[in-house]
Amino acid sequence: MWNMKSTMLFVASLVAVILISMSMANANDKTITPKEFGTAIAETPGKIVKFISSEVDKTKEYQKNSWAEMKSKWPWTMFKGNQ
């Protein structure tokens, strides 16, 4: 499965990805202090909960609207008002 050619290609691509990521990291030139890092880690669960709750709210609103539209388009409900 892994011959010498595929192993060398994998290693070369891995080195390329590491070098590219290092050059992108050096472009920022902003250092993060341990306090900032700790604050960012501490805020992460709250941000995740907020994001998920907003996505749930958007999904509920979309489902509410699409179900209301679907109810009005069913064939047996279109003629319900005419009877």
N, C-alpha and C. Protein backbone atom coordinates (compact mmCIF):
# COMPACT_ATOMS: atom_id res chain seq x y z
N MET A 1 0.82 -1.18 0.00
CA MET A 1 0.00 0.00 0.00
C MET A 1 0.87 1.26 0.00
N TRP A 2 1.77 1.37 0.96
CA TRP A 2 2.67 2.51 1.00
C TRP A 2 4.02 2.11 0.44
N ASN A 3 4.32 2.54 -0.76
CA ASN A 3 5.65 2.30 -1.29
C ASN A 3 6.50 3.55 -1.07
N MET A 4 7.72 3.50 -1.48
CA MET A 4 8.66 4.59 -1.21
C MET A 4 8.21 5.89 -1.87
N LYS A 5 7.70 5.81 -3.08
CA LYS A 5 7.29 7.01 -3.81
C LYS A 5 6.12 7.71 -3.11
N SER A 6 5.11 6.96 -2.68
CA SER A 6 3.96 7.58 -2.03
C SER A 6 4.33 8.11 -0.64
N THR A 7 5.24 7.44 0.05
CA THR A 7 5.70 7.91 1.35
C THR A 7 6.46 9.23 1.21
N MET A 8 7.31 9.33 0.22
CA MET A 8 8.06 10.56 0.00
C MET A 8 7.13 11.71 -0.42
N LEU A 9 6.13 11.42 -1.23
CA LEU A 9 5.16 12.43 -1.63
C LEU A 9 4.38 12.93 -0.42
N PHE A 10 3.99 12.02 0.45
CA PHE A 10 3.28 12.39 1.67
C PHE A 10 4.14 13.28 2.55
N VAL A 11 5.39 12.91 2.75
CA VAL A 11 6.30 13.68 3.59
C VAL A 11 6.54 15.06 2.98
N ALA A 12 6.72 15.13 1.67
CA ALA A 12 6.96 16.42 1.01
C ALA A 12 5.74 17.33 1.14
N SER A 13 4.55 16.77 0.97
CA SER A 13 3.35 17.60 1.11
C SER A 13 3.15 18.03 2.56
N LEU A 14 3.49 17.18 3.49
CA LEU A 14 3.40 17.54 4.91
C LEU A 14 4.35 18.68 5.24
N VAL A 15 5.56 18.62 4.74
CA VAL A 15 6.54 19.68 4.96
C VAL A 15 6.05 20.98 4.32
N ALA A 16 5.47 20.89 3.13
CA ALA A 16 4.95 22.09 2.45
C ALA A 16 3.84 22.74 3.27
N VAL A 17 2.94 21.94 3.80
CA VAL A 17 1.84 22.48 4.62
C VAL A 17 2.39 23.14 5.87
N ILE A 18 3.36 22.54 6.50
CA ILE A 18 3.96 23.11 7.72
C ILE A 18 4.65 24.43 7.39
N LEU A 19 5.40 24.48 6.30
CA LEU A 19 6.09 25.72 5.93
C LEU A 19 5.11 26.83 5.58
N ILE A 20 4.05 26.51 4.89
CA ILE A 20 3.04 27.51 4.54
C ILE A 20 2.36 28.03 5.80
N SER A 21 2.01 27.13 6.69
CA SER A 21 1.34 27.58 7.92
C SER A 21 2.28 28.42 8.79
N MET A 22 3.55 28.09 8.80
CA MET A 22 4.50 28.88 9.57
C MET A 22 4.65 30.28 8.97
N SER A 23 4.68 30.37 7.66
CA SER A 23 4.82 31.69 7.03
C SER A 23 3.57 32.52 7.26
N MET A 24 2.40 31.90 7.29
CA MET A 24 1.17 32.63 7.57
C MET A 24 1.14 33.08 9.04
N ALA A 25 1.66 32.26 9.91
CA ALA A 25 1.69 32.61 11.33
C ALA A 25 2.64 33.77 11.58
N ASN A 26 3.75 33.81 10.86
CA ASN A 26 4.71 34.90 11.02
C ASN A 26 4.18 36.20 10.42
N ALA A 27 3.26 36.14 9.50
CA ALA A 27 2.72 37.34 8.87
C ALA A 27 1.90 38.15 9.86
N ASN A 28 1.31 37.51 10.84
CA ASN A 28 0.49 38.23 11.82
C ASN A 28 1.33 39.04 12.79
N ASP A 29 2.46 38.53 13.20
CA ASP A 29 3.37 39.17 14.14
C ASP A 29 2.70 39.62 15.44
N LYS A 30 1.61 39.03 15.81
CA LYS A 30 0.95 39.36 17.07
C LYS A 30 1.18 38.20 18.02
N THR A 31 1.67 38.53 19.18
CA THR A 31 1.89 37.49 20.17
C THR A 31 0.69 37.46 21.11
N ILE A 32 0.38 36.30 21.58
CA ILE A 32 -0.73 36.12 22.51
C ILE A 32 -0.15 35.80 23.88
N THR A 33 -0.57 36.54 24.86
CA THR A 33 -0.09 36.31 26.20
C THR A 33 -0.84 35.13 26.81
N PRO A 34 -0.28 34.50 27.82
CA PRO A 34 -0.99 33.40 28.47
C PRO A 34 -2.35 33.81 29.03
N LYS A 35 -2.44 35.06 29.50
CA LYS A 35 -3.72 35.54 30.04
C LYS A 35 -4.77 35.62 28.93
N GLU A 36 -4.39 36.16 27.75
CA GLU A 36 -5.30 36.23 26.61
C GLU A 36 -5.73 34.83 26.17
N PHE A 37 -4.76 33.91 26.17
CA PHE A 37 -5.06 32.54 25.78
C PHE A 37 -6.05 31.91 26.74
N GLY A 38 -5.85 32.12 28.03
CA GLY A 38 -6.75 31.57 29.03
C GLY A 38 -8.14 32.17 28.92
N THR A 39 -8.21 33.48 28.65
CA THR A 39 -9.50 34.13 28.47
C THR A 39 -10.22 33.58 27.25
N ALA A 40 -9.49 33.38 26.17
CA ALA A 40 -10.10 32.84 24.95
C ALA A 40 -10.63 31.43 25.17
N ILE A 41 -9.88 30.63 25.90
CA ILE A 41 -10.32 29.26 26.19
C ILE A 41 -11.54 29.29 27.10
N ALA A 42 -11.55 30.19 28.07
CA ALA A 42 -12.67 30.27 29.01
C ALA A 42 -13.95 30.75 28.32
N GLU A 43 -13.82 31.61 27.30
CA GLU A 43 -14.99 32.13 26.60
C GLU A 43 -15.54 31.17 25.54
N THR A 44 -14.77 30.19 25.15
CA THR A 44 -15.17 29.30 24.07
C THR A 44 -16.48 28.56 24.35
N PRO A 45 -16.70 27.93 25.50
CA PRO A 45 -17.97 27.22 25.71
C PRO A 45 -19.18 28.14 25.59
N GLY A 46 -19.08 29.36 26.11
CA GLY A 46 -20.19 30.31 26.00
C GLY A 46 -20.48 30.67 24.56
N LYS A 47 -19.42 30.86 23.77
CA LYS A 47 -19.60 31.19 22.36
C LYS A 47 -20.24 30.03 21.61
N ILE A 48 -19.85 28.81 21.93
CA ILE A 48 -20.42 27.64 21.27
C ILE A 48 -21.89 27.51 21.60
N VAL A 49 -22.25 27.68 22.86
CA VAL A 49 -23.65 27.59 23.29
C VAL A 49 -24.48 28.67 22.60
N LYS A 50 -23.94 29.89 22.53
CA LYS A 50 -24.66 30.99 21.88
C LYS A 50 -24.86 30.69 20.40
N PHE A 51 -23.83 30.19 19.73
CA PHE A 51 -23.93 29.87 18.31
C PHE A 51 -24.97 28.79 18.06
N ILE A 52 -24.92 27.72 18.86
CA ILE A 52 -25.86 26.61 18.67
C ILE A 52 -27.29 27.07 18.93
N SER A 53 -27.50 27.86 19.97
CA SER A 53 -28.86 28.31 20.27
C SER A 53 -29.38 29.23 19.17
N SER A 54 -28.53 30.06 18.59
CA SER A 54 -29.00 30.91 17.49
C SER A 54 -29.32 30.08 16.26
N GLU A 55 -28.53 29.03 16.01
CA GLU A 55 -28.82 28.15 14.87
C GLU A 55 -30.13 27.39 15.09
N VAL A 56 -30.38 26.96 16.32
CA VAL A 56 -31.64 26.27 16.63
C VAL A 56 -32.81 27.20 16.43
N ASP A 57 -32.69 28.45 16.87
CA ASP A 57 -33.76 29.42 16.70
C ASP A 57 -34.03 29.69 15.22
N LYS A 58 -32.96 29.82 14.43
CA LYS A 58 -33.15 30.04 12.99
C LYS A 58 -33.82 28.84 12.34
N THR A 59 -33.44 27.64 12.75
CA THR A 59 -34.03 26.43 12.19
C THR A 59 -35.50 26.33 12.55
N LYS A 60 -35.84 26.64 13.79
CA LYS A 60 -37.25 26.60 14.21
C LYS A 60 -38.09 27.59 13.41
N GLU A 61 -37.57 28.79 13.20
CA GLU A 61 -38.30 29.81 12.43
C GLU A 61 -38.49 29.36 10.98
N TYR A 62 -37.44 28.78 10.39
CA TYR A 62 -37.53 28.29 9.02
C TYR A 62 -38.56 27.17 8.92
N GLN A 63 -38.53 26.22 9.86
CA GLN A 63 -39.49 25.12 9.84
C GLN A 63 -40.90 25.62 10.03
N LYS A 64 -41.08 26.59 10.91
CA LYS A 64 -42.41 27.14 11.14
C LYS A 64 -42.95 27.75 9.85
N ASN A 65 -42.12 28.53 9.16
CA ASN A 65 -42.56 29.16 7.91
C ASN A 65 -42.80 28.14 6.80
N SER A 66 -41.91 27.16 6.67
CA SER A 66 -42.08 26.19 5.60
C SER A 66 -43.26 25.26 5.86
N TRP A 67 -43.53 24.92 7.12
CA TRP A 67 -44.69 24.08 7.43
C TRP A 67 -45.98 24.84 7.18
N ALA A 68 -46.00 26.13 7.50
CA ALA A 68 -47.20 26.94 7.23
C ALA A 68 -47.45 27.04 5.74
N GLU A 69 -46.39 27.20 4.97
CA GLU A 69 -46.54 27.26 3.51
C GLU A 69 -46.99 25.91 2.96
N MET A 70 -46.44 24.82 3.49
CA MET A 70 -46.81 23.49 3.04
C MET A 70 -48.28 23.21 3.33
N LYS A 71 -48.77 23.64 4.49
CA LYS A 71 -50.16 23.40 4.85
C LYS A 71 -51.11 24.10 3.88
N SER A 72 -50.71 25.27 3.42
CA SER A 72 -51.58 26.01 2.49
C SER A 72 -51.53 25.44 1.09
N LYS A 73 -50.54 24.64 0.76
CA LYS A 73 -50.40 24.12 -0.60
C LYS A 73 -50.91 22.69 -0.78
N TRP A 74 -51.29 22.01 0.29
CA TRP A 74 -51.81 20.66 0.14
C TRP A 74 -53.13 20.71 -0.63
N PRO A 75 -53.37 19.77 -1.52
CA PRO A 75 -54.59 19.82 -2.35
C PRO A 75 -55.88 19.83 -1.53
N TRP A 76 -55.97 19.05 -0.46
CA TRP A 76 -57.23 19.01 0.29
C TRP A 76 -57.44 20.23 1.17
N THR A 77 -56.40 21.02 1.41
CA THR A 77 -56.60 22.24 2.19
C THR A 77 -56.87 23.44 1.30
N MET A 78 -56.54 23.37 0.02
CA MET A 78 -56.81 24.49 -0.89
C MET A 78 -58.32 24.68 -1.08
N PHE A 79 -59.08 23.59 -1.08
CA PHE A 79 -60.51 23.68 -1.35
C PHE A 79 -61.34 23.66 -0.05
N LYS A 80 -60.68 23.67 1.08
CA LYS A 80 -61.38 23.60 2.36
C LYS A 80 -62.24 24.83 2.60
N GLY A 81 -61.79 26.01 2.18
CA GLY A 81 -62.54 27.24 2.40
C GLY A 81 -63.75 27.38 1.47
N ASN A 82 -63.76 26.65 0.36
CA ASN A 82 -64.84 26.76 -0.62
C ASN A 82 -66.05 25.90 -0.27
N GLN A 83 -65.95 25.02 0.70
CA GLN A 83 -67.05 24.12 1.00
C GLN A 83 -68.04 24.70 1.95
